[in-house]
PDB file of N, CA and C in Angstrom:
ATOM      1  N   MET A   1       0.807  -1.195   0.000  1.00  0.00           N
ATOM      2  CA  MET A   1       0.000   0.000   0.000  1.00  0.00           C
ATOM      3  C   MET A   1       0.860   1.273   0.000  1.00  0.00           C
ATOM      4  N   TRP A   2       2.138   1.115   0.377  1.00  0.00           N
ATOM      5  CA  TRP A   2       2.988   2.292   0.388  1.00  0.00           C
ATOM      6  C   TRP A   2       3.214   2.770  -1.041  1.00  0.00           C
ATOM      7  N   GLY A   3       3.192   4.073  -1.225  1.00  0.00           N
ATOM      8  CA  GLY A   3       3.440   4.650  -2.538  1.00  0.00           C
ATOM      9  C   GLY A   3       2.232   4.629  -3.460  1.00  0.00           C
ATOM     10  N   ARG A   4       1.097   4.244  -2.939  1.00  0.00           N
ATOM     11  CA  ARG A   4      -0.101   4.199  -3.775  1.00  0.00           C
ATOM     12  C   ARG A   4      -0.631   5.603  -4.049  1.00  0.00           C
ATOM     13  N   CYS A   5      -0.507   6.498  -3.071  1.00  0.00           N
ATOM     14  CA  CYS A   5      -0.946   7.884  -3.209  1.00  0.00           C
ATOM     15  C   CYS A   5       0.253   8.809  -3.046  1.00  0.00           C
ATOM     16  N   ASP A   6       0.203   9.955  -3.710  1.00  0.00           N
ATOM     17  CA  ASP A   6       1.331  10.889  -3.653  1.00  0.00           C
ATOM     18  C   ASP A   6       1.338  11.730  -2.388  1.00  0.00           C
ATOM     19  N   GLY A   7       0.188  11.981  -1.814  1.00  0.00           N
ATOM     20  CA  GLY A   7       0.142  12.816  -0.623  1.00  0.00           C
ATOM     21  C   GLY A   7      -1.052  12.500   0.243  1.00  0.00           C
ATOM     22  N   ALA A   8      -1.143  13.249   1.343  1.00  0.00           N
ATOM     23  CA  ALA A   8      -2.210  13.007   2.303  1.00  0.00           C
ATOM     24  C   ALA A   8      -3.576  13.349   1.713  1.00  0.00           C
ATOM     25  N   PHE A   9      -3.651  14.440   0.972  1.00  0.00           N
ATOM     26  CA  PHE A   9      -4.938  14.843   0.402  1.00  0.00           C
ATOM     27  C   PHE A   9      -5.423  13.826  -0.615  1.00  0.00           C
ATOM     28  N   GLU A  10      -4.523  13.309  -1.417  1.00  0.00           N
ATOM     29  CA  GLU A  10      -4.901  12.299  -2.408  1.00  0.00           C
ATOM     30  C   GLU A  10      -5.357  11.013  -1.716  1.00  0.00           C
ATOM     31  N   ALA A  11      -4.698  10.646  -0.636  1.00  0.00           N
ATOM     32  CA  ALA A  11      -5.102   9.461   0.120  1.00  0.00           C
ATOM     33  C   ALA A  11      -6.479   9.665   0.753  1.00  0.00           C
ATOM     34  N   PHE A  12      -6.709  10.864   1.276  1.00  0.00           N
ATOM     35  CA  PHE A  12      -7.998  11.196   1.881  1.00  0.00           C
ATOM     36  C   PHE A  12      -9.112  11.129   0.837  1.00  0.00           C
ATOM     37  N   ALA A  13      -8.854  11.640  -0.358  1.00  0.00           N
ATOM     38  CA  ALA A  13      -9.837  11.573  -1.442  1.00  0.00           C
ATOM     39  C   ALA A  13     -10.070  10.139  -1.886  1.00  0.00           C
ATOM     40  N   ALA A  14      -9.042   9.329  -1.871  1.00  0.00           N
ATOM     41  CA  ALA A  14      -9.177   7.923  -2.261  1.00  0.00           C
ATOM     42  C   ALA A  14     -10.045   7.154  -1.269  1.00  0.00           C
ATOM     43  N   ILE A  15      -9.971   7.517  -0.005  1.00  0.00           N
ATOM     44  CA  ILE A  15     -10.810   6.871   1.006  1.00  0.00           C
ATOM     45  C   ILE A  15     -12.279   7.075   0.666  1.00  0.00           C
ATOM     46  N   PHE A  16     -12.661   8.321   0.340  1.00  0.00           N
ATOM     47  CA  PHE A  16     -14.057   8.590   0.020  1.00  0.00           C
ATOM     48  C   PHE A  16     -14.468   7.942  -1.292  1.00  0.00           C
ATOM     49  N   GLU A  17     -13.555   7.868  -2.229  1.00  0.00           N
ATOM     50  CA  GLU A  17     -13.858   7.196  -3.496  1.00  0.00           C
ATOM     51  C   GLU A  17     -14.148   5.716  -3.265  1.00  0.00           C
ATOM     52  N   ILE A  18     -13.352   5.076  -2.427  1.00  0.00           N
ATOM     53  CA  ILE A  18     -13.575   3.665  -2.110  1.00  0.00           C
ATOM     54  C   ILE A  18     -14.888   3.496  -1.347  1.00  0.00           C
ATOM     55  N   MET A  19     -15.195   4.421  -0.428  1.00  0.00           N
ATOM     56  CA  MET A  19     -16.446   4.338   0.314  1.00  0.00           C
ATOM     57  C   MET A  19     -17.651   4.427  -0.614  1.00  0.00           C
ATOM     58  N   VAL A  20     -17.596   5.310  -1.603  1.00  0.00           N
ATOM     59  CA  VAL A  20     -18.711   5.453  -2.541  1.00  0.00           C
ATOM     60  C   VAL A  20     -18.854   4.190  -3.384  1.00  0.00           C
ATOM     61  N   GLU A  21     -17.749   3.665  -3.872  1.00  0.00           N
ATOM     62  CA  GLU A  21     -17.813   2.440  -4.680  1.00  0.00           C
ATOM     63  C   GLU A  21     -18.407   1.283  -3.886  1.00  0.00           C
ATOM     64  N   ASN A  22     -17.954   1.095  -2.662  1.00  0.00           N
ATOM     65  CA  ASN A  22     -18.467   0.003  -1.834  1.00  0.00           C
ATOM     66  C   ASN A  22     -19.907   0.265  -1.397  1.00  0.00           C
ATOM     67  N   GLY A  23     -20.263   1.511  -1.158  1.00  0.00           N
ATOM     68  CA  GLY A  23     -21.631   1.845  -0.764  1.00  0.00           C
ATOM     69  C   GLY A  23     -22.632   1.527  -1.857  1.00  0.00           C
ATOM     70  N   ILE A  24     -22.253   1.750  -3.102  1.00  0.00           N
ATOM     71  CA  ILE A  24     -23.143   1.433  -4.217  1.00  0.00           C
ATOM     72  C   ILE A  24     -23.320  -0.074  -4.339  1.00  0.00           C
ATOM     73  N   LEU A  25     -22.257  -0.828  -4.080  1.00  0.00           N
ATOM     74  CA  LEU A  25     -22.354  -2.286  -4.156  1.00  0.00           C
ATOM     75  C   LEU A  25     -23.201  -2.858  -3.019  1.00  0.00           C
ATOM     76  N   ILE A  26     -23.039  -2.302  -1.821  1.00  0.00           N
ATOM     77  CA  ILE A  26     -23.724  -2.844  -0.651  1.00  0.00           C
ATOM     78  C   ILE A  26     -25.202  -2.458  -0.639  1.00  0.00           C
ATOM     79  N   GLY A  27     -25.489  -1.196  -0.862  1.00  0.00           N
ATOM     80  CA  GLY A  27     -26.867  -0.736  -0.807  1.00  0.00           C
ATOM     81  C   GLY A  27     -27.233   0.043  -2.045  1.00  0.00           C
ATOM     82  N   PRO A  28     -28.278  -0.370  -2.720  1.00  0.00           N
ATOM     83  CA  PRO A  28     -28.689   0.351  -3.916  1.00  0.00           C
ATOM     84  C   PRO A  28     -29.174   1.768  -3.586  1.00  0.00           C
ATOM     85  N   PRO A  29     -29.102   2.663  -4.550  1.00  0.00           N
ATOM     86  CA  PRO A  29     -29.504   4.053  -4.315  1.00  0.00           C
ATOM     87  C   PRO A  29     -30.957   4.200  -3.857  1.00  0.00           C
ATOM     88  N   LEU A  30     -31.812   3.252  -4.209  1.00  0.00           N
ATOM     89  CA  LEU A  30     -33.210   3.323  -3.777  1.00  0.00           C
ATOM     90  C   LEU A  30     -33.318   3.267  -2.256  1.00  0.00           C
ATOM     91  N   ILE A  31     -32.481   2.453  -1.633  1.00  0.00           N
ATOM     92  CA  ILE A  31     -32.501   2.359  -0.173  1.00  0.00           C
ATOM     93  C   ILE A  31     -32.028   3.671   0.443  1.00  0.00           C
ATOM     94  N   PHE A  32     -30.965   4.245  -0.093  1.00  0.00           N
ATOM     95  CA  PHE A  32     -30.464   5.510   0.436  1.00  0.00           C
ATOM     96  C   PHE A  32     -31.480   6.626   0.234  1.00  0.00           C
ATOM     97  N   GLY A  33     -32.146   6.634  -0.908  1.00  0.00           N
ATOM     98  CA  GLY A  33     -33.184   7.634  -1.166  1.00  0.00           C
ATOM     99  C   GLY A  33     -34.333   7.502  -0.185  1.00  0.00           C
ATOM    100  N   THR A  34     -34.729   6.283   0.106  1.00  0.00           N
ATOM    101  CA  THR A  34     -35.801   6.046   1.068  1.00  0.00           C
ATOM    102  C   THR A  34     -35.393   6.520   2.453  1.00  0.00           C
ATOM    103  N   LEU A  35     -34.157   6.272   2.844  1.00  0.00           N
ATOM    104  CA  LEU A  35     -33.684   6.730   4.149  1.00  0.00           C
ATOM    105  C   LEU A  35     -33.658   8.257   4.241  1.00  0.00           C
ATOM    106  N   VAL A  36     -33.236   8.904   3.180  1.00  0.00           N
ATOM    107  CA  VAL A  36     -33.184  10.375   3.179  1.00  0.00           C
ATOM    108  C   VAL A  36     -34.590  10.960   3.254  1.00  0.00           C
ATOM    109  N   ILE A  37     -35.497  10.457   2.433  1.00  0.00           N
ATOM    110  CA  ILE A  37     -36.866  10.971   2.429  1.00  0.00           C
ATOM    111  C   ILE A  37     -37.541  10.696   3.772  1.00  0.00           C
ATOM    112  N   GLY A  38     -37.323   9.520   4.337  1.00  0.00           N
ATOM    113  CA  GLY A  38     -37.897   9.194   5.643  1.00  0.00           C
ATOM    114  C   GLY A  38     -37.362  10.077   6.753  1.00  0.00           C
ATOM    115  N   SER A  39     -36.081  10.373   6.718  1.00  0.00           N
ATOM    116  CA  SER A  39     -35.516  11.224   7.766  1.00  0.00           C
ATOM    117  C   SER A  39     -36.013  12.661   7.645  1.00  0.00           C
ATOM    118  N   ILE A  40     -36.162  13.144   6.433  1.00  0.00           N
ATOM    119  CA  ILE A  40     -36.695  14.497   6.235  1.00  0.00           C
ATOM    120  C   ILE A  40     -38.142  14.551   6.703  1.00  0.00           C
ATOM    121  N   THR A  41     -38.927  13.548   6.341  1.00  0.00           N
ATOM    122  CA  THR A  41     -40.333  13.509   6.734  1.00  0.00           C
ATOM    123  C   THR A  41     -40.482  13.443   8.251  1.00  0.00           C
ATOM    124  N   SER A  42     -39.710  12.591   8.897  1.00  0.00           N
ATOM    125  CA  SER A  42     -39.813  12.494  10.353  1.00  0.00           C
ATOM    126  C   SER A  42     -39.345  13.779  11.038  1.00  0.00           C
ATOM    127  N   GLY A  43     -38.369  14.453  10.476  1.00  0.00           N
ATOM    128  CA  GLY A  43     -37.929  15.732  11.029  1.00  0.00           C
ATOM    129  C   GLY A  43     -38.995  16.801  10.916  1.00  0.00           C
ATOM    130  N   VAL A  44     -39.685  16.843   9.782  1.00  0.00           N
ATOM    131  CA  VAL A  44     -40.761  17.821   9.585  1.00  0.00           C
ATOM    132  C   VAL A  44     -41.907  17.533  10.549  1.00  0.00           C
ATOM    133  N   ILE A  45     -42.269  16.258  10.700  1.00  0.00           N
ATOM    134  CA  ILE A  45     -43.355  15.902  11.620  1.00  0.00           C
ATOM    135  C   ILE A  45     -42.970  16.237  13.060  1.00  0.00           C
ATOM    136  N   ALA A  46     -41.736  15.978  13.444  1.00  0.00           N
ATOM    137  CA  ALA A  46     -41.284  16.315  14.795  1.00  0.00           C
ATOM    138  C   ALA A  46     -41.319  17.821  15.023  1.00  0.00           C
ATOM    139  N   GLU A  47     -40.943  18.582  14.027  1.00  0.00           N
ATOM    140  CA  GLU A  47     -40.980  20.042  14.156  1.00  0.00           C
ATOM    141  C   GLU A  47     -42.412  20.544  14.259  1.00  0.00           C
ATOM    142  N   MET A  48     -43.315  19.963  13.495  1.00  0.00           N
ATOM    143  CA  MET A  48     -44.715  20.384  13.534  1.00  0.00           C
ATOM    144  C   MET A  48     -45.339  20.074  14.895  1.00  0.00           C
ATOM    145  N   THR A  49     -45.070  18.914  15.458  1.00  0.00           N
ATOM    146  CA  THR A  49     -45.642  18.578  16.760  1.00  0.00           C
ATOM    147  C   THR A  49     -45.022  19.397  17.872  1.00  0.00           C
ATOM    148  N   ASP A  50     -43.791  19.806  17.737  1.00  0.00           N
ATOM    149  CA  ASP A  50     -43.155  20.645  18.742  1.00  0.00           C
ATOM    150  C   ASP A  50     -43.801  22.027  18.771  1.00  0.00           C
ATOM    151  N   LYS A  51     -44.106  22.587  17.620  1.00  0.00           N
ATOM    152  CA  LYS A  51     -44.708  23.909  17.557  1.00  0.00           C
ATOM    153  C   LYS A  51     -46.139  23.912  18.084  1.00  0.00           C
ATOM    154  N   ARG A  52     -46.849  22.789  17.944  1.00  0.00           N
ATOM    155  CA  ARG A  52     -48.233  22.705  18.425  1.00  0.00           C
ATOM    156  C   ARG A  52     -48.311  22.398  19.916  1.00  0.00           C
ATOM    157  N   GLY A  53     -47.230  21.945  20.464  1.00  0.00           N
ATOM    158  CA  GLY A  53     -47.213  21.631  21.891  1.00  0.00           C
ATOM    159  C   GLY A  53     -47.862  20.320  22.225  1.00  0.00           C
ATOM    160  N   LEU A  54     -47.877  19.394  21.290  1.00  0.00           N
ATOM    161  CA  LEU A  54     -48.499  18.081  21.540  1.00  0.00           C
ATOM    162  C   LEU A  54     -47.564  17.175  22.305  1.00  0.00           C
TER     163      LEU A  54
END
């Protein structure tokens, strides 16, 4: 693994590149989209109930 990257920044960027490649293999984008939409929806509902005092 030594000498694979020229510097720290390039190595740091390679880490995220590998994470994205493996993330696509492990979980399809539909699952990630569902998680994002669900988290936004639950956040909006939590904010609405907080303002109403329920």
